[in-house]
């Protein structure tokens, strides 16, 4: 798309949260320059399944970007970065707090050469506090946020989510939202800003319902809350063929339709009975009486918020998923349909340093200077 045409992003990130953030900006039309270290580049290039020597993980997170190599541990590399920053709109980095300052490419020196820069730092615990320099991954962030402790069945262990919700939701998406809002604000204020995006903070902001139940004195425990297993009308049930169905019939009208579809009109008035465990057992017996395919057919016409639990291969074969343009083995399209915007064909993830020469020539460097920089190991 061309929603962000004319916006230049310098991307210093690696692995997952930062690259997903900058890929979304690239999908919206921004020029994203992925700045990588010579020789190795983003660690993700060598991780996960490889096809023809290329990481599929890297491919999925870096489409529509350009790649340049730059040794930021050398003074010449820092000078080049600051020169590029003069014409940039956004910088995104995902190092531990303090690293970019030690390198000389933090917000202060960048904003001195470009006061309109929007500088975004993505980290696990934020730029201050006792955990600012502590290492962590998605699992650790959701654990400290209390989300992991709420996930799973009653009486069972915490269940690790199937996707990295802290990395993507609390890191990537929060950063994109803050960057876009800052670009809008810059147009009226005439100056940029610094964004401190902490994945723990983002996860904590997702807890308004759980916090409300905590304040009210309700049981805020795994498998006992309204939306994590405490209600019979909102849960996951095993079918006769050892598959599963998801039931989300929270509203009385959906519950009534579920009861009609299953021939259990006697349950309509019992949706919120005090003994939810007993009701859950009855609902479990209902689902256990038929195979998943039979339930899918029964609920195809029913307005009961009841859908099968699919594996990933089934998901990408689902007619609704295919109709929205998603396919297995391909980097996902931008997930929002925008009127008046045609999505053109995506550019594949770049090779390491593929655009170094192009970017530096456009920045005013000569061929002779490029040769010298390469000889010195700067690019």
Protein backbone atom coordinates (compact mmCIF):
# COMPACT_ATOMS: atom_id res chain seq x y z
CA UNK A 1 0.00 0.00 0.00
CA UNK A 2 1.04 3.63 -0.14
CA UNK A 3 -0.43 4.79 3.18
CA UNK A 4 3.08 5.55 4.49
CA UNK A 5 4.72 6.48 1.21
CA UNK A 6 7.52 8.97 1.86
CA UNK A 7 8.19 7.69 5.38
CA UNK A 8 11.70 6.31 5.89
CA UNK A 9 12.39 3.87 8.74
CA UNK A 10 15.82 2.80 9.97
CA UNK A 11 15.35 -0.68 11.42
CA UNK A 12 17.94 -1.85 13.94
CA UNK A 13 15.88 -4.78 15.22
CA UNK A 14 16.43 -8.54 15.14
CA UNK A 15 14.50 -11.74 15.74
CA UNK A 16 10.72 -11.27 16.25
CA UNK A 17 9.05 -8.24 17.91
CA UNK A 18 10.94 -5.46 16.13
CA UNK A 19 11.02 -7.07 12.67
CA UNK A 20 7.28 -7.76 12.80
CA UNK A 21 6.67 -4.12 13.74
CA UNK A 22 8.78 -2.77 10.90
CA UNK A 23 7.32 -5.26 8.42
CA UNK A 24 3.87 -3.85 9.12
CA UNK A 25 5.22 -0.35 8.46
CA UNK A 26 6.77 -1.61 5.22
CA UNK A 27 3.51 -3.30 4.22
CA UNK A 28 1.82 0.09 4.60
CA UNK A 29 4.30 1.66 2.20
CA UNK A 30 7.14 2.96 4.35
CA UNK A 31 10.70 2.58 3.10
CA UNK A 32 12.20 0.30 5.74
CA UNK A 33 15.99 0.00 5.75
CA UNK A 34 17.09 -2.98 7.81
CA UNK A 35 20.51 -2.12 9.22
CA UNK A 36 22.45 -5.35 9.89
CA UNK A 37 25.94 -6.20 11.04
CA UNK A 38 28.33 -7.33 8.29
CA UNK A 39 28.80 -11.07 7.99
CA UNK A 40 26.02 -12.31 10.27
CA UNK A 41 23.14 -9.89 10.12
CA UNK A 42 19.87 -10.61 11.89
CA UNK A 43 20.28 -13.81 13.92
CA UNK A 44 16.99 -15.02 12.47
CA UNK A 45 18.65 -15.53 9.08
CA UNK A 46 20.12 -18.78 10.37
CA UNK A 47 17.19 -20.01 12.48
CA UNK A 48 14.19 -22.23 11.87
CA UNK A 49 13.37 -24.20 8.75
CA UNK A 50 15.69 -23.44 5.85
CA UNK A 51 14.78 -23.63 2.15
CA UNK A 52 17.67 -23.23 -0.30
CA UNK A 53 19.71 -21.85 2.59
CA UNK A 54 17.12 -19.19 3.43
CA UNK A 55 15.32 -19.09 6.77
CA UNK A 56 11.56 -19.24 6.40
CA UNK A 57 11.30 -17.44 9.75
CA UNK A 58 13.30 -14.54 8.32
CA UNK A 59 11.29 -14.54 5.10
CA UNK A 60 8.00 -14.30 7.02
CA UNK A 61 9.12 -11.27 9.04
CA UNK A 62 11.08 -9.16 6.58
CA UNK A 63 9.17 -8.79 3.34
CA UNK A 64 9.08 -5.38 1.64
CA UNK A 65 12.26 -4.20 3.37
CA UNK A 66 15.70 -3.20 2.17
CA UNK A 67 18.88 -4.51 3.82
CA UNK A 68 22.19 -2.76 4.31
CA UNK A 69 25.19 -3.87 6.35
CA UNK A 70 26.85 -1.43 8.71
CA UNK A 71 29.41 -1.97 11.47
CA UNK A 72 28.06 0.21 14.25
CA UNK A 73 30.97 -0.65 16.53
CA UNK A 74 33.21 1.52 14.34
CA UNK A 75 33.20 5.32 14.31
CA UNK A 76 32.74 5.39 10.54
CA UNK A 77 29.68 3.17 10.90
CA UNK A 78 28.16 5.50 13.49
CA UNK A 79 28.81 8.51 11.26
CA UNK A 80 27.05 6.79 8.35
CA UNK A 81 24.09 5.90 10.53
CA UNK A 82 23.70 9.48 11.76
CA UNK A 83 23.95 10.71 8.17
CA UNK A 84 21.13 8.36 7.18
CA UNK A 85 19.15 9.44 10.24
CA UNK A 86 19.07 13.03 8.95
CA UNK A 87 16.64 11.95 6.23
CA UNK A 88 14.77 9.33 8.27
CA UNK A 89 11.40 9.68 9.96
CA UNK A 90 11.55 6.72 12.33
CA UNK A 91 14.22 4.66 14.06
CA UNK A 92 13.25 1.34 15.66
CA UNK A 93 15.66 -0.57 17.88
CA UNK A 94 15.32 -3.64 20.07
CA UNK A 95 18.59 -3.90 21.98
CA UNK A 96 18.84 -4.07 25.74
CA UNK A 97 18.49 -0.63 27.37
CA UNK A 98 21.68 1.39 27.12
CA UNK A 99 23.21 -0.40 24.13
CA UNK A 100 22.33 2.22 21.49
CA UNK A 101 23.55 4.98 23.82
CA UNK A 102 26.87 3.18 24.25
CA UNK A 103 27.18 2.87 20.47
CA UNK A 104 26.45 6.57 19.98
CA UNK A 105 23.23 6.08 18.02
CA UNK A 106 20.66 6.60 20.78
CA UNK A 107 17.83 9.10 20.78
CA UNK A 108 19.93 12.09 21.89
CA UNK A 109 22.54 12.07 19.09
CA UNK A 110 19.94 11.10 16.49
CA UNK A 111 17.53 13.87 17.57
CA UNK A 112 20.39 16.37 17.46
CA UNK A 113 20.84 15.74 13.73
CA UNK A 114 17.10 15.30 13.15
CA UNK A 115 14.74 16.89 15.72
CA UNK A 116 11.71 15.45 13.91
CA UNK A 117 12.75 11.83 14.39
CA UNK A 118 10.37 9.35 16.02
CA UNK A 119 12.68 7.02 17.90
CA UNK A 120 11.16 3.77 19.20
CA UNK A 121 12.86 1.37 21.60
CA UNK A 122 11.25 -2.05 22.08
CA UNK A 123 12.37 -4.04 25.11
CA UNK A 124 11.07 -6.65 27.49
CA UNK A 125 10.80 -4.60 30.67
CA UNK A 126 11.31 -0.99 29.61
CA UNK A 127 14.11 1.57 29.80
CA UNK A 128 13.94 1.98 33.59
CA UNK A 129 13.10 -0.05 36.68
CA UNK A 130 15.02 -2.88 38.36
CA UNK A 131 14.42 -5.29 35.44
CA UNK A 132 15.54 -2.91 32.67
CA UNK A 133 18.65 -4.94 31.81
CA UNK A 134 17.23 -8.38 32.58
CA UNK A 135 17.11 -10.87 29.71
CA UNK A 136 13.75 -12.36 28.80
CA UNK A 137 11.53 -13.91 26.19
CA UNK A 138 7.81 -13.99 25.48
CA UNK A 139 7.20 -16.77 28.02
CA UNK A 140 8.86 -14.75 30.79
CA UNK A 141 6.87 -11.60 30.01
CA UNK A 142 3.48 -13.33 30.06
CA UNK A 143 4.54 -15.13 33.24
CA UNK A 144 5.30 -11.88 35.10
CA UNK A 145 2.19 -10.20 33.70
CA UNK A 146 -0.02 -12.87 35.26
CA UNK A 147 -1.34 -13.99 31.89
CA UNK A 148 0.42 -17.33 31.84
CA UNK A 149 -0.94 -18.06 35.31
CA UNK A 150 -4.50 -17.53 34.02
CA UNK A 151 -4.05 -19.74 30.97
CA UNK A 152 -4.96 -23.43 31.14
CA UNK A 153 -7.50 -25.71 32.76
CA UNK A 154 -8.67 -25.62 36.36
CA UNK A 155 -6.39 -27.71 38.54
CA UNK A 156 -3.85 -28.13 35.74
CA UNK A 157 -0.54 -26.43 34.98
CA UNK A 158 -0.24 -23.12 33.11
CA UNK A 159 -0.51 -23.66 29.34
CA UNK A 160 1.98 -22.02 26.98
CA UNK A 161 0.03 -20.14 24.26
CA UNK A 162 0.54 -21.35 20.71
CA UNK A 163 1.74 -17.94 19.51
CA UNK A 164 4.02 -15.35 21.10
CA UNK A 165 1.41 -12.89 22.32
CA UNK A 166 3.86 -10.75 24.27
CA UNK A 167 6.27 -10.36 21.37
CA UNK A 168 3.63 -9.66 18.74
CA UNK A 169 0.75 -8.04 20.59
CA UNK A 170 2.46 -6.19 23.40
CA UNK A 171 5.67 -5.51 21.48
CA UNK A 172 5.14 -5.21 17.74
CA UNK A 173 1.57 -3.91 17.63
CA UNK A 174 1.96 -1.47 20.52
CA UNK A 175 5.07 -0.09 18.82
CA UNK A 176 3.28 0.34 15.48
CA UNK A 177 0.39 2.12 17.17
CA UNK A 178 2.72 4.47 19.04
CA UNK A 179 4.83 5.19 15.94
CA UNK A 180 1.81 6.02 13.79
CA UNK A 181 0.31 8.26 16.49
CA UNK A 182 3.66 10.04 16.89
CA UNK A 183 3.92 10.66 13.15
CA UNK A 184 0.46 12.23 13.21
CA UNK A 185 1.38 14.39 16.23
CA UNK A 186 4.64 15.44 14.57
CA UNK A 187 2.74 17.02 11.70
CA UNK A 188 1.22 19.58 14.10
CA UNK A 189 3.98 19.91 16.69
CA UNK A 190 6.90 19.93 14.27
CA UNK A 191 9.09 17.72 16.45
CA UNK A 192 9.59 14.04 17.03
CA UNK A 193 9.70 12.06 20.26
CA UNK A 194 11.12 9.04 22.05
CA UNK A 195 8.98 5.92 22.52
CA UNK A 196 9.72 3.46 25.31
CA UNK A 197 7.76 0.30 24.42
CA UNK A 198 7.99 -2.45 27.06
CA UNK A 199 6.37 -5.79 26.36
CA UNK A 200 5.54 -6.30 30.04
CA UNK A 201 3.74 -2.93 30.07
CA UNK A 202 1.75 -3.83 26.99
CA UNK A 203 0.65 -7.13 28.53
CA UNK A 204 -0.38 -5.44 31.76
CA UNK A 205 -2.56 -3.04 29.78
CA UNK A 206 -4.57 -6.04 28.55
CA UNK A 207 -5.91 -6.88 32.00
CA UNK A 208 -8.89 -4.53 32.55
CA UNK A 209 -11.43 -7.36 32.84
CA UNK A 210 -9.25 -9.50 35.08
CA UNK A 211 -8.45 -6.45 37.22
CA UNK A 212 -12.15 -5.65 37.55
CA UNK A 213 -12.85 -9.21 38.73
CA UNK A 214 -9.92 -8.98 41.17
CA UNK A 215 -11.26 -5.73 42.65
CA UNK A 216 -14.74 -7.24 42.90
CA UNK A 217 -13.41 -10.21 44.85
CA UNK A 218 -14.25 -12.76 42.15
CA UNK A 219 -11.98 -15.80 41.74
CA UNK A 220 -9.19 -14.66 39.40
CA UNK A 221 -7.70 -18.10 38.90
CA UNK A 222 -6.88 -20.43 36.05
CA UNK A 223 -10.01 -22.12 34.72
CA UNK A 224 -12.40 -20.32 37.07
CA UNK A 225 -12.96 -16.90 35.50
CA UNK A 226 -15.79 -15.94 33.17
CA UNK A 227 -13.69 -16.20 30.02
CA UNK A 228 -11.12 -18.86 30.87
CA UNK A 229 -13.28 -21.84 31.77
CA UNK A 230 -15.48 -20.79 34.64
CA UNK A 231 -18.68 -20.71 32.57
CA UNK A 232 -20.15 -23.74 30.85
CA UNK A 233 -21.35 -21.59 27.94
CA UNK A 234 -17.80 -20.45 27.16
CA UNK A 235 -15.36 -23.27 26.81
CA UNK A 236 -13.72 -25.98 24.74
CA UNK A 237 -15.24 -29.45 24.56
CA UNK A 238 -14.02 -32.82 23.31
CA UNK A 239 -16.04 -34.58 20.59
CA UNK A 240 -16.63 -38.28 19.99
CA UNK A 241 -13.68 -38.50 17.59
CA UNK A 242 -11.24 -36.83 20.03
CA UNK A 243 -11.43 -33.48 18.27
CA UNK A 244 -12.66 -30.28 19.91
CA UNK A 245 -15.35 -27.61 19.52
CA UNK A 246 -15.19 -24.07 20.89
CA UNK A 247 -18.39 -22.73 22.42
CA UNK A 248 -18.68 -18.97 22.98
CA UNK A 249 -22.40 -18.64 23.68
CA UNK A 250 -22.09 -15.91 26.31
CA UNK A 251 -25.22 -13.94 25.41
CA UNK A 252 -28.54 -15.61 26.30
CA UNK A 253 -29.69 -15.54 22.66
CA UNK A 254 -26.66 -17.53 21.54
CA UNK A 255 -27.01 -19.97 24.44
CA UNK A 256 -30.68 -20.49 23.58
CA UNK A 257 -29.74 -21.22 19.97
CA UNK A 258 -27.11 -23.71 21.17
CA UNK A 259 -29.71 -25.46 23.30
CA UNK A 260 -32.18 -25.61 20.41
CA UNK A 261 -29.52 -26.94 18.00
CA UNK A 262 -28.60 -29.72 20.43
CA UNK A 263 -32.17 -30.53 21.40
CA UNK A 264 -31.64 -29.54 25.02
CA UNK A 265 -34.27 -26.91 25.60
CA UNK A 266 -34.16 -27.78 29.30
CA UNK A 267 -30.79 -26.05 29.57
CA UNK A 268 -31.93 -22.63 28.30
CA UNK A 269 -32.81 -21.25 31.76
CA UNK A 270 -29.77 -22.80 33.40
CA UNK A 271 -27.07 -20.81 31.60
CA UNK A 272 -25.85 -18.97 34.68
CA UNK A 273 -26.80 -21.45 37.39
CA UNK A 274 -24.55 -21.40 40.48
CA UNK A 275 -23.15 -24.89 39.89
CA UNK A 276 -21.31 -24.30 36.62
CA UNK A 277 -19.24 -27.47 37.04
CA UNK A 278 -22.38 -29.58 36.83
CA UNK A 279 -23.60 -27.71 33.75
CA UNK A 280 -20.16 -28.04 32.11
CA UNK A 281 -20.36 -31.81 32.61
CA UNK A 282 -23.72 -31.90 30.84
CA UNK A 283 -22.43 -29.79 27.95
CA UNK A 284 -19.35 -32.02 27.73
CA UNK A 285 -21.60 -35.08 27.47
CA UNK A 286 -23.51 -33.42 24.64
CA UNK A 287 -20.38 -32.77 22.58
CA UNK A 288 -18.97 -36.22 23.37
CA UNK A 289 -21.99 -37.81 21.68
CA UNK A 290 -21.03 -36.83 18.10
CA UNK A 291 -17.94 -36.41 15.93
CA UNK A 292 -16.61 -32.94 15.12
CA UNK A 293 -17.79 -33.04 11.51
CA UNK A 294 -21.33 -33.75 12.68
CA UNK A 295 -21.23 -30.80 15.05
CA UNK A 296 -19.86 -28.57 12.31
CA UNK A 297 -22.84 -29.44 10.14
CA UNK A 298 -25.31 -28.91 12.98
CA UNK A 299 -23.88 -25.50 13.86
CA UNK A 300 -23.43 -24.38 10.26
CA UNK A 301 -26.86 -22.74 10.36
CA UNK A 302 -27.16 -22.17 14.11
CA UNK A 303 -26.36 -18.72 15.53
CA UNK A 304 -24.63 -20.10 18.60
CA UNK A 305 -20.98 -18.96 18.40
CA UNK A 306 -19.75 -22.52 18.08
CA UNK A 307 -16.77 -23.36 15.84
CA UNK A 308 -14.34 -26.28 15.47
CA UNK A 309 -10.84 -26.11 16.92
CA UNK A 310 -8.71 -26.42 13.77
CA UNK A 311 -5.11 -27.41 13.34
CA UNK A 312 -2.99 -25.02 11.27
CA UNK A 313 -3.28 -26.98 8.02
CA UNK A 314 -7.07 -26.91 8.34
CA UNK A 315 -6.97 -23.20 9.13
CA UNK A 316 -5.26 -22.30 5.87
CA UNK A 317 -7.75 -24.46 3.97
CA UNK A 318 -10.76 -22.79 5.57
CA UNK A 319 -12.89 -20.89 3.00
CA UNK A 320 -13.04 -17.73 5.12
CA UNK A 321 -9.26 -17.66 5.57
CA UNK A 322 -8.68 -18.21 1.85
CA UNK A 323 -11.25 -15.55 0.94
CA UNK A 324 -9.30 -13.00 3.01
CA UNK A 325 -6.08 -13.76 1.14
CA UNK A 326 -4.09 -15.79 3.66
CA UNK A 327 -2.17 -18.89 2.62
CA UNK A 328 0.27 -21.28 4.27
CA UNK A 329 3.90 -20.87 3.30
CA UNK A 330 3.55 -17.21 2.36
CA UNK A 331 4.20 -14.07 4.36
CA UNK A 332 0.81 -12.82 5.46
CA UNK A 333 -0.79 -9.86 3.68
CA UNK A 334 -1.40 -6.68 5.64
CA UNK A 335 -4.35 -7.72 7.82
CA UNK A 336 -6.52 -4.62 7.33
CA UNK A 337 -8.51 -3.88 4.19
CA UNK A 338 -8.28 -0.17 3.36
CA UNK A 339 -10.69 1.41 0.93
CA UNK A 340 -9.03 2.94 -2.11
CA UNK A 341 -5.84 0.96 -1.49
CA UNK A 342 -4.71 -1.79 -3.80
CA UNK A 343 -2.24 -4.24 -2.32
CA UNK A 344 0.53 -4.80 -4.84
CA UNK A 345 2.75 -7.85 -4.92
CA UNK A 346 5.04 -8.05 -1.90
CA UNK A 347 8.80 -7.84 -2.32
CA UNK A 348 10.61 -10.84 -0.82
CA UNK A 349 12.78 -10.50 2.26
CA UNK A 350 16.15 -9.02 1.23
CA UNK A 351 19.50 -10.75 1.15
CA UNK A 352 22.06 -9.58 3.68
CA UNK A 353 23.35 -6.19 2.54
CA UNK A 354 21.43 -6.41 -0.74
CA UNK A 355 20.74 -2.66 -0.82
CA UNK A 356 23.87 -1.27 0.86
CA UNK A 357 25.32 0.21 -2.30
CA UNK A 358 21.99 1.66 -3.44
CA UNK A 359 21.33 3.32 -0.07
CA UNK A 360 24.79 4.82 0.37
CA UNK A 361 25.01 6.12 -3.20
CA UNK A 362 21.64 7.82 -2.66
CA UNK A 363 23.04 9.30 0.57
CA UNK A 364 25.85 10.95 -1.41
CA UNK A 365 28.73 8.50 -1.00
CA UNK A 366 30.94 7.88 -4.02
CA UNK A 367 32.02 4.54 -5.47
CA UNK A 368 35.54 5.19 -4.19
CA UNK A 369 34.24 5.86 -0.67
CA UNK A 370 32.16 2.68 -0.79
CA UNK A 371 35.18 0.64 -1.77
CA UNK A 372 37.16 2.10 1.13
CA UNK A 373 34.34 1.45 3.59
CA UNK A 374 34.16 -2.15 2.45
CA UNK A 375 37.90 -2.55 2.73
CA UNK A 376 37.78 -1.26 6.33
CA UNK A 377 34.93 -3.68 7.24
CA UNK A 378 32.40 -0.88 7.82
CA UNK A 379 29.94 -2.25 5.24
